[in-house]
Amino acid sequence: MRMYAYRELSPLDDDWKDWKISKEKLITPDGWPLTPNRIIMGNALIEIGAVINLGFNAKC
């Protein structure tokens, strides 16, 4: 049986302080578990917002 434990990401860079990997999730410093699908969805929402803002700024 494979054991999973928290793995700290802070040794990689100071930007990753308090971030962890546990099982198949990235854990934020606030304790929010992020799955790959959540990360992809969040990135897509940011891109959609950026596109909407570009269109809005072009009209002004």
PDB file of N, CA and C in Angstrom:
ATOM      1  N   MET A   1       0.839  -1.172   0.000  1.00  0.00           N
ATOM      2  CA  MET A   1       0.000   0.000   0.000  1.00  0.00           C
ATOM      3  C   MET A   1       0.890   1.244   0.000  1.00  0.00           C
ATOM      4  N   ARG A   2       0.565   2.167  -0.870  1.00  0.00           N
ATOM      5  CA  ARG A   2       1.347   3.383  -0.979  1.00  0.00           C
ATOM      6  C   ARG A   2       0.837   4.416   0.026  1.00  0.00           C
ATOM      7  N   MET A   3       1.754   4.994   0.782  1.00  0.00           N
ATOM      8  CA  MET A   3       1.387   5.997   1.780  1.00  0.00           C
ATOM      9  C   MET A   3       1.561   7.384   1.187  1.00  0.00           C
ATOM     10  N   TYR A   4       0.590   8.243   1.418  1.00  0.00           N
ATOM     11  CA  TYR A   4       0.664   9.625   0.962  1.00  0.00           C
ATOM     12  C   TYR A   4       0.840  10.533   2.173  1.00  0.00           C
ATOM     13  N   ALA A   5       1.718  11.463   2.037  1.00  0.00           N
ATOM     14  CA  ALA A   5       1.923  12.455   3.093  1.00  0.00           C
ATOM     15  C   ALA A   5       2.061  13.817   2.428  1.00  0.00           C
ATOM     16  N   TYR A   6       1.936  14.847   3.223  1.00  0.00           N
ATOM     17  CA  TYR A   6       2.135  16.189   2.684  1.00  0.00           C
ATOM     18  C   TYR A   6       3.566  16.331   2.197  1.00  0.00           C
ATOM     19  N   ARG A   7       3.695  16.970   1.088  1.00  0.00           N
ATOM     20  CA  ARG A   7       5.020  17.323   0.584  1.00  0.00           C
ATOM     21  C   ARG A   7       5.060  18.835   0.456  1.00  0.00           C
ATOM     22  N   GLU A   8       5.980  19.434   1.127  1.00  0.00           N
ATOM     23  CA  GLU A   8       6.117  20.885   1.116  1.00  0.00           C
ATOM     24  C   GLU A   8       6.732  21.333  -0.210  1.00  0.00           C
ATOM     25  N   LEU A   9       6.221  22.425  -0.754  1.00  0.00           N
ATOM     26  CA  LEU A   9       6.771  22.973  -1.985  1.00  0.00           C
ATOM     27  C   LEU A   9       7.712  24.140  -1.728  1.00  0.00           C
ATOM     28  N   SER A  10       7.788  24.593  -0.486  1.00  0.00           N
ATOM     29  CA  SER A  10       8.626  25.750  -0.170  1.00  0.00           C
ATOM     30  C   SER A  10      10.110  25.561  -0.512  1.00  0.00           C
ATOM     31  N   PRO A  11      10.665  24.340  -0.488  1.00  0.00           N
ATOM     32  CA  PRO A  11      12.073  24.220  -0.896  1.00  0.00           C
ATOM     33  C   PRO A  11      12.313  24.597  -2.363  1.00  0.00           C
ATOM     34  N   LEU A  12      11.267  24.573  -3.179  1.00  0.00           N
ATOM     35  CA  LEU A  12      11.430  24.920  -4.582  1.00  0.00           C
ATOM     36  C   LEU A  12      11.695  26.409  -4.762  1.00  0.00           C
ATOM     37  N   ASP A  13      10.912  27.220  -4.060  1.00  0.00           N
ATOM     38  CA  ASP A  13      11.002  28.667  -4.207  1.00  0.00           C
ATOM     39  C   ASP A  13      10.207  29.303  -3.076  1.00  0.00           C
ATOM     40  N   ASP A  14      10.553  30.521  -2.716  1.00  0.00           N
ATOM     41  CA  ASP A  14       9.831  31.204  -1.642  1.00  0.00           C
ATOM     42  C   ASP A  14       8.379  31.494  -2.008  1.00  0.00           C
ATOM     43  N   ASP A  15       8.063  31.579  -3.302  1.00  0.00           N
ATOM     44  CA  ASP A  15       6.683  31.817  -3.728  1.00  0.00           C
ATOM     45  C   ASP A  15       5.754  30.666  -3.339  1.00  0.00           C
ATOM     46  N   TRP A  16       6.321  29.493  -3.089  1.00  0.00           N
ATOM     47  CA  TRP A  16       5.527  28.312  -2.757  1.00  0.00           C
ATOM     48  C   TRP A  16       5.445  28.074  -1.254  1.00  0.00           C
ATOM     49  N   LYS A  17       5.773  29.074  -0.451  1.00  0.00           N
ATOM     50  CA  LYS A  17       5.749  28.920   0.999  1.00  0.00           C
ATOM     51  C   LYS A  17       4.341  28.525   1.462  1.00  0.00           C
ATOM     52  N   ASP A  18       4.246  27.512   2.270  1.00  0.00           N
ATOM     53  CA  ASP A  18       3.008  26.978   2.858  1.00  0.00           C
ATOM     54  C   ASP A  18       2.121  26.236   1.864  1.00  0.00           C
ATOM     55  N   TRP A  19       2.530  26.054   0.621  1.00  0.00           N
ATOM     56  CA  TRP A  19       1.785  25.224  -0.334  1.00  0.00           C
ATOM     57  C   TRP A  19       2.236  23.781  -0.134  1.00  0.00           C
ATOM     58  N   LYS A  20       1.318  22.830  -0.327  1.00  0.00           N
ATOM     59  CA  LYS A  20       1.627  21.415  -0.128  1.00  0.00           C
ATOM     60  C   LYS A  20       0.986  20.591  -1.240  1.00  0.00           C
ATOM     61  N   ILE A  21       1.495  19.391  -1.401  1.00  0.00           N
ATOM     62  CA  ILE A  21       0.866  18.401  -2.270  1.00  0.00           C
ATOM     63  C   ILE A  21       0.469  17.233  -1.388  1.00  0.00           C
ATOM     64  N   SER A  22      -0.780  16.825  -1.498  1.00  0.00           N
ATOM     65  CA  SER A  22      -1.280  15.681  -0.750  1.00  0.00           C
ATOM     66  C   SER A  22      -2.124  14.841  -1.686  1.00  0.00           C
ATOM     67  N   LYS A  23      -1.782  13.595  -1.790  1.00  0.00           N
ATOM     68  CA  LYS A  23      -2.446  12.670  -2.710  1.00  0.00           C
ATOM     69  C   LYS A  23      -2.435  13.279  -4.104  1.00  0.00           C
ATOM     70  N   GLU A  24      -3.576  13.589  -4.652  1.00  0.00           N
ATOM     71  CA  GLU A  24      -3.636  14.133  -6.015  1.00  0.00           C
ATOM     72  C   GLU A  24      -4.059  15.589  -6.016  1.00  0.00           C
ATOM     73  N   LYS A  25      -3.869  16.285  -4.897  1.00  0.00           N
ATOM     74  CA  LYS A  25      -4.340  17.661  -4.776  1.00  0.00           C
ATOM     75  C   LYS A  25      -3.220  18.600  -4.366  1.00  0.00           C
ATOM     76  N   LEU A  26      -3.336  19.813  -4.866  1.00  0.00           N
ATOM     77  CA  LEU A  26      -2.459  20.895  -4.453  1.00  0.00           C
ATOM     78  C   LEU A  26      -3.196  21.643  -3.354  1.00  0.00           C
ATOM     79  N   ILE A  27      -2.572  21.793  -2.192  1.00  0.00           N
ATOM     80  CA  ILE A  27      -3.208  22.425  -1.042  1.00  0.00           C
ATOM     81  C   ILE A  27      -2.665  23.844  -0.905  1.00  0.00           C
ATOM     82  N   THR A  28      -3.575  24.833  -0.918  1.00  0.00           N
ATOM     83  CA  THR A  28      -3.175  26.225  -0.792  1.00  0.00           C
ATOM     84  C   THR A  28      -2.781  26.535   0.651  1.00  0.00           C
ATOM     85  N   PRO A  29      -2.120  27.669   0.884  1.00  0.00           N
ATOM     86  CA  PRO A  29      -1.775  28.033   2.257  1.00  0.00           C
ATOM     87  C   PRO A  29      -3.014  28.174   3.156  1.00  0.00           C
ATOM     88  N   ASP A  30      -4.178  28.460   2.577  1.00  0.00           N
ATOM     89  CA  ASP A  30      -5.417  28.571   3.348  1.00  0.00           C
ATOM     90  C   ASP A  30      -6.088  27.224   3.581  1.00  0.00           C
ATOM     91  N   GLY A  31      -5.529  26.158   3.013  1.00  0.00           N
ATOM     92  CA  GLY A  31      -6.073  24.826   3.212  1.00  0.00           C
ATOM     93  C   GLY A  31      -7.063  24.375   2.144  1.00  0.00           C
ATOM     94  N   TRP A  32      -7.218  25.138   1.080  1.00  0.00           N
ATOM     95  CA  TRP A  32      -8.140  24.750   0.003  1.00  0.00           C
ATOM     96  C   TRP A  32      -7.489  23.692  -0.883  1.00  0.00           C
ATOM     97  N   PRO A  33      -8.149  22.547  -1.062  1.00  0.00           N
ATOM     98  CA  PRO A  33      -7.601  21.524  -1.956  1.00  0.00           C
ATOM     99  C   PRO A  33      -7.951  21.852  -3.414  1.00  0.00           C
ATOM    100  N   LEU A  34      -6.954  21.848  -4.268  1.00  0.00           N
ATOM    101  CA  LEU A  34      -7.166  22.137  -5.686  1.00  0.00           C
ATOM    102  C   LEU A  34      -6.866  20.896  -6.515  1.00  0.00           C
ATOM    103  N   THR A  35      -7.850  20.451  -7.262  1.00  0.00           N
ATOM    104  CA  THR A  35      -7.653  19.347  -8.192  1.00  0.00           C
ATOM    105  C   THR A  35      -7.214  19.928  -9.529  1.00  0.00           C
ATOM    106  N   PRO A  36      -6.659  19.124 -10.415  1.00  0.00           N
ATOM    107  CA  PRO A  36      -6.287  19.640 -11.735  1.00  0.00           C
ATOM    108  C   PRO A  36      -7.473  20.296 -12.464  1.00  0.00           C
ATOM    109  N   ASN A  37      -8.674  19.729 -12.331  1.00  0.00           N
ATOM    110  CA  ASN A  37      -9.836  20.316 -12.999  1.00  0.00           C
ATOM    111  C   ASN A  37     -10.161  21.703 -12.464  1.00  0.00           C
ATOM    112  N   ARG A  38     -10.028  21.908 -11.161  1.00  0.00           N
ATOM    113  CA  ARG A  38     -10.284  23.237 -10.580  1.00  0.00           C
ATOM    114  C   ARG A  38      -9.272  24.255 -11.069  1.00  0.00           C
ATOM    115  N   ILE A  39      -8.036  23.846 -11.181  1.00  0.00           N
ATOM    116  CA  ILE A  39      -6.990  24.748 -11.658  1.00  0.00           C
ATOM    117  C   ILE A  39      -7.257  25.144 -13.106  1.00  0.00           C
ATOM    118  N   ILE A  40      -7.610  24.171 -13.939  1.00  0.00           N
ATOM    119  CA  ILE A  40      -7.914  24.450 -15.347  1.00  0.00           C
ATOM    120  C   ILE A  40      -9.139  25.352 -15.457  1.00  0.00           C
ATOM    121  N   MET A  41     -10.174  25.076 -14.673  1.00  0.00           N
ATOM    122  CA  MET A  41     -11.391  25.894 -14.706  1.00  0.00           C
ATOM    123  C   MET A  41     -11.090  27.319 -14.244  1.00  0.00           C
ATOM    124  N   GLY A  42     -10.325  27.464 -13.192  1.00  0.00           N
ATOM    125  CA  GLY A  42      -9.956  28.794 -12.710  1.00  0.00           C
ATOM    126  C   GLY A  42      -9.186  29.576 -13.750  1.00  0.00           C
ATOM    127  N   ASN A  43      -8.261  28.928 -14.421  1.00  0.00           N
ATOM    128  CA  ASN A  43      -7.495  29.586 -15.471  1.00  0.00           C
ATOM    129  C   ASN A  43      -8.408  30.001 -16.625  1.00  0.00           C
ATOM    130  N   ALA A  44      -9.340  29.133 -17.002  1.00  0.00           N
ATOM    131  CA  ALA A  44     -10.274  29.455 -18.079  1.00  0.00           C
ATOM    132  C   ALA A  44     -11.144  30.656 -17.703  1.00  0.00           C
ATOM    133  N   LEU A  45     -11.625  30.712 -16.474  1.00  0.00           N
ATOM    134  CA  LEU A  45     -12.441  31.837 -16.030  1.00  0.00           C
ATOM    135  C   LEU A  45     -11.648  33.142 -16.043  1.00  0.00           C
ATOM    136  N   ILE A  46     -10.389  33.068 -15.665  1.00  0.00           N
ATOM    137  CA  ILE A  46      -9.540  34.261 -15.710  1.00  0.00           C
ATOM    138  C   ILE A  46      -9.362  34.724 -17.152  1.00  0.00           C
ATOM    139  N   GLU A  47      -9.137  33.777 -18.069  1.00  0.00           N
ATOM    140  CA  GLU A  47      -8.974  34.132 -19.478  1.00  0.00           C
ATOM    141  C   GLU A  47     -10.252  34.726 -20.053  1.00  0.00           C
ATOM    142  N   ILE A  48     -11.401  34.175 -19.707  1.00  0.00           N
ATOM    143  CA  ILE A  48     -12.672  34.721 -20.185  1.00  0.00           C
ATOM    144  C   ILE A  48     -12.841  36.144 -19.674  1.00  0.00           C
ATOM    145  N   GLY A  49     -12.533  36.357 -18.413  1.00  0.00           N
ATOM    146  CA  GLY A  49     -12.619  37.698 -17.850  1.00  0.00           C
ATOM    147  C   GLY A  49     -11.679  38.660 -18.546  1.00  0.00           C
ATOM    148  N   ALA A  50     -10.501  38.192 -18.896  1.00  0.00           N
ATOM    149  CA  ALA A  50      -9.540  39.040 -19.595  1.00  0.00           C
ATOM    150  C   ALA A  50     -10.051  39.399 -20.983  1.00  0.00           C
ATOM    151  N   VAL A  51     -10.665  38.459 -21.672  1.00  0.00           N
ATOM    152  CA  VAL A  51     -11.205  38.715 -23.005  1.00  0.00           C
ATOM    153  C   VAL A  51     -12.364  39.699 -22.920  1.00  0.00           C
ATOM    154  N   ILE A  52     -13.237  39.527 -21.947  1.00  0.00           N
ATOM    155  CA  ILE A  52     -14.372  40.446 -21.766  1.00  0.00           C
ATOM    156  C   ILE A  52     -13.841  41.855 -21.467  1.00  0.00           C
ATOM    157  N   ASN A  53     -12.832  41.951 -20.620  1.00  0.00           N
ATOM    158  CA  ASN A  53     -12.275  43.260 -20.291  1.00  0.00           C
ATOM    159  C   ASN A  53     -11.626  43.912 -21.498  1.00  0.00           C
ATOM    160  N   LEU A  54     -10.980  43.145 -22.350  1.00  0.00           N
ATOM    161  CA  LEU A  54     -10.362  43.703 -23.552  1.00  0.00           C
ATOM    162  C   LEU A  54     -11.434  44.272 -24.479  1.00  0.00           C
ATOM    163  N   GLY A  55     -12.539  43.542 -24.635  1.00  0.00           N
ATOM    164  CA  GLY A  55     -13.627  44.020 -25.469  1.00  0.00           C
ATOM    165  C   GLY A  55     -14.266  45.265 -24.888  1.00  0.00           C
ATOM    166  N   PHE A  56     -14.423  45.304 -23.588  1.00  0.00           N
ATOM    167  CA  PHE A  56     -15.021  46.452 -22.909  1.00  0.00           C
ATOM    168  C   PHE A  56     -14.116  47.687 -23.069  1.00  0.00           C
ATOM    169  N   ASN A  57     -12.818  47.498 -22.887  1.00  0.00           N
ATOM    170  CA  ASN A  57     -11.874  48.611 -23.009  1.00  0.00           C
ATOM    171  C   ASN A  57     -11.786  49.126 -24.440  1.00  0.00           C
ATOM    172  N   ALA A  58     -11.964  48.263 -25.429  1.00  0.00           N
ATOM    173  CA  ALA A  58     -11.915  48.690 -26.825  1.00  0.00           C
ATOM    174  C   ALA A  58     -13.106  49.577 -27.168  1.00  0.00           C
ATOM    175  N   LYS A  59     -14.253  49.345 -26.522  1.00  0.00           N
ATOM    176  CA  LYS A  59     -15.455  50.131 -26.800  1.00  0.00           C
ATOM    177  C   LYS A  59     -15.385  51.510 -26.164  1.00  0.00           C
ATOM    178  N   CYS A  60     -14.589  51.653 -25.113  1.00  0.00           N
ATOM    179  CA  CYS A  60     -14.539  52.948 -24.394  1.00  0.00           C
ATOM    180  C   CYS A  60     -13.730  53.966 -25.116  1.00  0.00           C
TER     181      CYS A  60
END
